[in-house]
Amino acid sequence: LFQRLFRQDLLVASMFRNFLLADRILRSLNCSPTSHPELPSTCHHPLWQAWDLAVEGCLNQLIDDGLLRKSSISAATEEK
């Protein structure tokens, strides 16, 4: 059932991935997203460390290529 719902149906799979990312982002802002049926929170799962590392690598590459200023990242993280 999981394979059919969350892997074969591309729309549901995309919505599920987006919900997991939204859950992580919103919980860091003290918001609690909900779903029906209710899903357990994954915002503290160890795999997010790999995600953070990948995002940090992408941002550093953009800075190195001159496509992003480090000051714009610092300003965005200070607003939290």
N, C-alpha and C. Protein backbone atom coordinates (compact mmCIF):
# COMPACT_ATOMS: atom_id res chain seq x y z
N LEU A 1 0.83 -1.19 0.00
CA LEU A 1 0.00 0.00 0.00
C LEU A 1 0.88 1.26 0.00
N PHE A 2 1.90 1.29 0.88
CA PHE A 2 2.79 2.46 0.91
C PHE A 2 3.44 2.68 -0.44
N GLN A 3 3.94 1.61 -1.04
CA GLN A 3 4.60 1.70 -2.34
C GLN A 3 3.65 2.29 -3.38
N ARG A 4 2.41 1.81 -3.39
CA ARG A 4 1.45 2.28 -4.38
C ARG A 4 1.07 3.74 -4.15
N LEU A 5 0.86 4.12 -2.90
CA LEU A 5 0.42 5.49 -2.59
C LEU A 5 1.54 6.52 -2.71
N PHE A 6 2.67 6.22 -2.09
CA PHE A 6 3.70 7.25 -1.95
C PHE A 6 4.84 7.14 -2.95
N ARG A 7 4.85 6.13 -3.79
CA ARG A 7 5.90 6.00 -4.80
C ARG A 7 5.33 6.05 -6.22
N GLN A 8 4.24 5.36 -6.48
CA GLN A 8 3.71 5.30 -7.83
C GLN A 8 2.86 6.51 -8.18
N ASP A 9 2.11 7.02 -7.24
CA ASP A 9 1.28 8.21 -7.48
C ASP A 9 2.16 9.45 -7.30
N LEU A 10 2.57 10.05 -8.39
CA LEU A 10 3.53 11.15 -8.34
C LEU A 10 2.98 12.38 -7.62
N LEU A 11 1.69 12.64 -7.74
CA LEU A 11 1.11 13.79 -7.06
C LEU A 11 1.14 13.60 -5.55
N VAL A 12 0.71 12.44 -5.08
CA VAL A 12 0.71 12.17 -3.64
C VAL A 12 2.14 12.14 -3.11
N ALA A 13 3.07 11.55 -3.87
CA ALA A 13 4.46 11.50 -3.43
C ALA A 13 5.03 12.92 -3.28
N SER A 14 4.73 13.79 -4.23
CA SER A 14 5.21 15.17 -4.17
C SER A 14 4.60 15.91 -2.99
N MET A 15 3.32 15.74 -2.77
CA MET A 15 2.65 16.40 -1.64
C MET A 15 3.23 15.90 -0.32
N PHE A 16 3.52 14.61 -0.22
CA PHE A 16 4.08 14.03 0.99
C PHE A 16 5.46 14.62 1.27
N ARG A 17 6.32 14.69 0.26
CA ARG A 17 7.65 15.27 0.45
C ARG A 17 7.55 16.74 0.85
N ASN A 18 6.66 17.46 0.22
CA ASN A 18 6.48 18.88 0.55
C ASN A 18 5.97 19.06 1.97
N PHE A 19 5.09 18.15 2.41
CA PHE A 19 4.58 18.24 3.79
C PHE A 19 5.72 18.00 4.78
N LEU A 20 6.58 17.02 4.50
CA LEU A 20 7.70 16.75 5.41
C LEU A 20 8.63 17.96 5.52
N LEU A 21 8.91 18.60 4.40
CA LEU A 21 9.76 19.79 4.43
C LEU A 21 9.05 20.94 5.15
N ALA A 22 7.79 21.14 4.87
CA ALA A 22 7.02 22.19 5.54
C ALA A 22 6.97 21.94 7.05
N ASP A 23 6.80 20.69 7.44
CA ASP A 23 6.77 20.32 8.86
C ASP A 23 8.08 20.75 9.53
N ARG A 24 9.19 20.47 8.88
CA ARG A 24 10.49 20.83 9.45
C ARG A 24 10.64 22.34 9.57
N ILE A 25 10.31 23.05 8.52
CA ILE A 25 10.46 24.51 8.52
C ILE A 25 9.51 25.16 9.52
N LEU A 26 8.25 24.77 9.50
CA LEU A 26 7.26 25.40 10.37
C LEU A 26 7.52 25.12 11.84
N ARG A 27 7.95 23.91 12.17
CA ARG A 27 8.23 23.61 13.57
C ARG A 27 9.41 24.43 14.09
N SER A 28 10.37 24.76 13.22
CA SER A 28 11.47 25.62 13.66
C SER A 28 10.98 27.04 13.94
N LEU A 29 9.79 27.38 13.43
CA LEU A 29 9.18 28.69 13.66
C LEU A 29 8.06 28.62 14.69
N ASN A 30 8.04 27.52 15.47
CA ASN A 30 7.06 27.28 16.53
C ASN A 30 5.63 27.14 16.01
N CYS A 31 5.47 26.59 14.82
CA CYS A 31 4.15 26.27 14.27
C CYS A 31 4.02 24.76 14.21
N SER A 32 2.80 24.27 14.32
CA SER A 32 2.56 22.83 14.29
C SER A 32 1.64 22.48 13.14
N PRO A 33 2.18 22.08 12.01
CA PRO A 33 1.34 21.68 10.88
C PRO A 33 0.58 20.40 11.20
N THR A 34 -0.58 20.24 10.60
CA THR A 34 -1.37 19.03 10.82
C THR A 34 -1.71 18.39 9.49
N SER A 35 -2.00 17.12 9.55
CA SER A 35 -2.42 16.37 8.37
C SER A 35 -3.54 15.43 8.77
N HIS A 36 -4.28 15.00 7.78
CA HIS A 36 -5.36 14.02 8.01
C HIS A 36 -5.19 12.91 7.00
N PRO A 37 -4.88 11.71 7.39
CA PRO A 37 -4.67 11.27 8.78
C PRO A 37 -3.39 11.86 9.35
N GLU A 38 -3.35 11.89 10.67
CA GLU A 38 -2.21 12.49 11.35
C GLU A 38 -0.95 11.68 11.09
N LEU A 39 0.14 12.39 10.79
CA LEU A 39 1.44 11.77 10.57
C LEU A 39 2.37 12.14 11.71
N PRO A 40 3.24 11.23 12.12
CA PRO A 40 4.18 11.59 13.18
C PRO A 40 5.18 12.62 12.67
N SER A 41 5.66 13.45 13.56
CA SER A 41 6.63 14.48 13.19
C SER A 41 7.97 13.83 12.85
N THR A 42 8.59 14.32 11.81
CA THR A 42 9.91 13.82 11.41
C THR A 42 10.95 14.93 11.47
N CYS A 43 10.61 16.05 12.08
CA CYS A 43 11.49 17.22 12.03
C CYS A 43 12.81 17.00 12.77
N HIS A 44 12.90 16.01 13.62
CA HIS A 44 14.14 15.75 14.35
C HIS A 44 14.83 14.47 13.87
N HIS A 45 14.40 13.94 12.74
CA HIS A 45 14.99 12.70 12.22
C HIS A 45 16.44 12.96 11.81
N PRO A 46 17.35 12.01 12.05
CA PRO A 46 18.76 12.20 11.72
C PRO A 46 19.03 12.45 10.23
N LEU A 47 18.13 12.02 9.34
CA LEU A 47 18.35 12.25 7.91
C LEU A 47 18.32 13.73 7.54
N TRP A 48 17.72 14.56 8.39
CA TRP A 48 17.73 16.00 8.12
C TRP A 48 19.13 16.57 8.16
N GLN A 49 20.04 15.92 8.88
CA GLN A 49 21.43 16.39 8.90
C GLN A 49 22.04 16.29 7.50
N ALA A 50 21.70 15.23 6.78
CA ALA A 50 22.19 15.08 5.40
C ALA A 50 21.58 16.17 4.52
N TRP A 51 20.31 16.48 4.72
CA TRP A 51 19.64 17.55 3.97
C TRP A 51 20.33 18.89 4.24
N ASP A 52 20.58 19.18 5.52
CA ASP A 52 21.24 20.43 5.90
C ASP A 52 22.61 20.54 5.24
N LEU A 53 23.35 19.44 5.23
CA LEU A 53 24.68 19.44 4.62
C LEU A 53 24.59 19.71 3.12
N ALA A 54 23.61 19.08 2.45
CA ALA A 54 23.44 19.29 1.01
C ALA A 54 23.05 20.73 0.70
N VAL A 55 22.14 21.30 1.47
CA VAL A 55 21.73 22.70 1.26
C VAL A 55 22.89 23.64 1.52
N GLU A 56 23.64 23.38 2.57
CA GLU A 56 24.79 24.22 2.88
C GLU A 56 25.82 24.15 1.74
N GLY A 57 26.03 22.96 1.19
CA GLY A 57 26.95 22.82 0.07
C GLY A 57 26.48 23.60 -1.16
N CYS A 58 25.18 23.54 -1.44
CA CYS A 58 24.63 24.29 -2.58
C CYS A 58 24.78 25.79 -2.38
N LEU A 59 24.48 26.26 -1.18
CA LEU A 59 24.60 27.70 -0.90
C LEU A 59 26.05 28.15 -0.99
N ASN A 60 26.97 27.34 -0.48
CA ASN A 60 28.39 27.70 -0.57
C ASN A 60 28.85 27.73 -2.02
N GLN A 61 28.35 26.82 -2.84
CA GLN A 61 28.72 26.82 -4.26
C GLN A 61 28.19 28.08 -4.95
N LEU A 62 26.97 28.49 -4.63
CA LEU A 62 26.41 29.72 -5.19
C LEU A 62 27.23 30.94 -4.77
N ILE A 63 27.69 30.95 -3.53
CA ILE A 63 28.53 32.05 -3.05
C ILE A 63 29.86 32.04 -3.79
N ASP A 64 30.46 30.86 -3.92
CA ASP A 64 31.75 30.75 -4.63
C ASP A 64 31.63 31.18 -6.09
N ASP A 65 30.49 30.90 -6.71
CA ASP A 65 30.28 31.26 -8.11
C ASP A 65 29.87 32.73 -8.28
N GLY A 66 29.67 33.43 -7.17
CA GLY A 66 29.30 34.83 -7.23
C GLY A 66 27.83 35.07 -7.52
N LEU A 67 27.01 34.03 -7.40
CA LEU A 67 25.58 34.17 -7.68
C LEU A 67 24.76 34.52 -6.44
N LEU A 68 25.41 34.47 -5.28
CA LEU A 68 24.73 34.75 -4.02
C LEU A 68 25.72 35.43 -3.09
N ARG A 69 25.24 36.45 -2.37
CA ARG A 69 26.10 37.12 -1.40
C ARG A 69 25.90 36.49 -0.04
N LYS A 70 26.98 36.29 0.67
CA LYS A 70 26.91 35.69 2.00
C LYS A 70 26.09 36.56 2.95
N SER A 71 26.13 37.87 2.76
CA SER A 71 25.38 38.77 3.63
C SER A 71 23.88 38.54 3.51
N SER A 72 23.38 38.12 2.34
CA SER A 72 21.93 37.88 2.19
C SER A 72 21.51 36.64 2.97
N ILE A 73 22.40 35.66 3.08
CA ILE A 73 22.10 34.46 3.87
C ILE A 73 22.12 34.80 5.34
N SER A 74 23.12 35.58 5.77
CA SER A 74 23.24 35.96 7.18
C SER A 74 22.02 36.77 7.60
N ALA A 75 21.56 37.67 6.77
CA ALA A 75 20.39 38.48 7.10
C ALA A 75 19.15 37.61 7.24
N ALA A 76 19.00 36.62 6.37
CA ALA A 76 17.83 35.74 6.42
C ALA A 76 17.84 34.88 7.67
N THR A 77 18.99 34.40 8.11
CA THR A 77 19.05 33.55 9.30
C THR A 77 18.91 34.37 10.58
N GLU A 78 19.28 35.64 10.54
CA GLU A 78 19.14 36.49 11.73
C GLU A 78 17.68 36.85 11.98
N GLU A 79 16.83 36.81 10.96
CA GLU A 79 15.42 37.16 11.12
C GLU A 79 14.67 36.12 11.91
N LYS A 80 15.18 34.90 12.02
CA LYS A 80 14.52 33.83 12.78
C LYS A 80 14.47 34.24 14.19
